[in-house]
Protein backbone atom coordinates (compact mmCIF):
# COMPACT_ATOMS: atom_id res chain seq x y z
CA MET A 1 -0.02 0.08 -0.10
CA THR A 2 1.49 3.57 -1.06
CA ARG A 3 0.45 6.35 1.60
CA ILE A 4 -0.18 9.84 -0.21
CA ILE A 5 0.73 12.76 1.66
CA SER A 6 -0.34 16.05 0.10
CA VAL A 7 0.95 19.36 1.19
CA MET A 8 -1.27 22.14 0.12
CA PRO A 9 -2.37 26.09 0.81
CA ALA A 10 -5.02 26.56 3.52
CA ASP A 11 -6.76 29.63 4.66
CA ASP A 12 -4.38 30.29 7.61
CA GLY A 13 -1.04 28.43 6.10
CA TRP A 14 -0.43 25.26 4.70
CA GLN A 15 -2.12 21.94 5.34
CA VAL A 16 -0.76 18.55 5.11
CA SER A 17 -3.02 15.40 4.91
CA VAL A 18 -2.72 11.73 4.57
CA GLU A 19 -5.04 10.05 2.47
CA GLY A 20 -7.40 8.05 4.69
CA GLU A 21 -6.75 9.66 7.70
CA ALA A 22 -9.40 12.36 9.12
CA ALA A 23 -7.29 15.22 10.77
CA PRO A 24 -4.87 17.21 8.65
CA PHE A 25 -1.97 18.85 10.16
CA LEU A 26 -2.11 22.93 9.92
CA LEU A 27 1.55 24.51 9.54
CA ASN A 28 2.16 28.26 9.26
CA SER A 29 4.68 28.14 6.35
CA GLY A 30 5.10 25.84 2.94
CA SER A 31 8.65 24.83 4.11
CA ALA A 32 7.33 23.49 7.60
CA ALA A 33 4.50 21.68 5.61
CA GLU A 34 6.93 20.01 3.40
CA ASP A 35 9.18 19.01 6.40
CA LYS A 36 6.17 17.56 8.13
CA ALA A 37 4.99 15.43 5.10
CA ILE A 38 8.71 13.99 4.63
CA GLU A 39 8.97 13.07 8.40
CA LEU A 40 5.28 11.42 7.91
CA ALA A 41 6.63 9.43 4.92
CA ARG A 42 10.07 8.32 6.65
CA ASN A 43 7.51 7.05 9.36
CA PHE A 44 5.73 4.92 6.86
CA VAL A 45 8.76 3.87 4.68
CA ARG A 46 10.37 2.63 8.37
CA ARG A 47 7.52 0.30 9.20
CA GLY A 48 7.56 -0.79 5.59
CA GLU A 49 5.06 1.11 3.49
CA ARG A 50 5.43 2.84 0.44
CA ALA A 51 4.77 6.86 0.84
CA THR A 52 4.33 9.32 -1.92
CA VAL A 53 4.58 13.13 -1.24
CA GLN A 54 2.69 15.94 -3.39
CA VAL A 55 2.89 19.58 -2.86
CA GLN A 56 0.53 21.63 -4.51
CA LEU A 57 0.41 25.35 -5.64
CA PRO A 58 -1.94 27.77 -4.42
CA ASP A 59 -3.64 27.03 -7.97
CA GLY A 60 -3.70 23.60 -7.31
CA SER A 61 -1.48 22.50 -9.79
CA LEU A 62 1.18 19.83 -8.75
CA ALA A 63 4.46 21.59 -7.79
CA ALA A 64 6.66 18.39 -6.97
CA ARG A 65 6.40 14.86 -6.17
CA SER A 66 8.58 12.62 -4.20
CA VAL A 67 8.51 8.58 -3.99
CA ALA A 68 10.05 6.57 -1.45
CA PRO A 69 9.65 2.84 -2.48
CA SER A 70 11.41 1.24 0.22
CA ALA A 71 13.27 1.47 3.59
CA THR A 72 16.45 1.66 1.66
CA ALA A 73 15.25 5.08 -0.18
CA GLN A 74 14.09 6.76 2.73
CA GLU A 75 17.30 9.34 3.28
CA GLY A 76 17.28 10.04 -0.33
CA TRP A 77 14.27 12.15 -1.01
CA LEU A 78 14.24 13.67 -4.64
CA TRP A 79 11.73 16.11 -5.58
CA ARG A 80 10.49 16.09 -9.18
CA ALA A 81 8.89 18.59 -11.20
CA PRO A 82 5.58 17.79 -12.47
CA GLN A 83 6.89 16.97 -16.25
CA ASP A 84 9.35 14.31 -14.78
CA VAL A 85 6.73 12.28 -12.54
CA ALA A 86 5.51 9.45 -14.60
């Protein structure tokens, strides 16, 4: 199972949500939201799950996406531009 973690603008900052979980995290900055998303993804990977982090721009378009397919990849986060995402 791949855990999808989304980072997106919110009314009072930035929201980090995990698909299938009810309560999102609200943070003051996009940078803090990205850090939280990566922390969550690394925790999923350590438990043997796959994780994908998606960052959206205020207009809703995809700004970046990172996939951690296994525990061996958890430290090597590589952000990709949307056109590079297959």
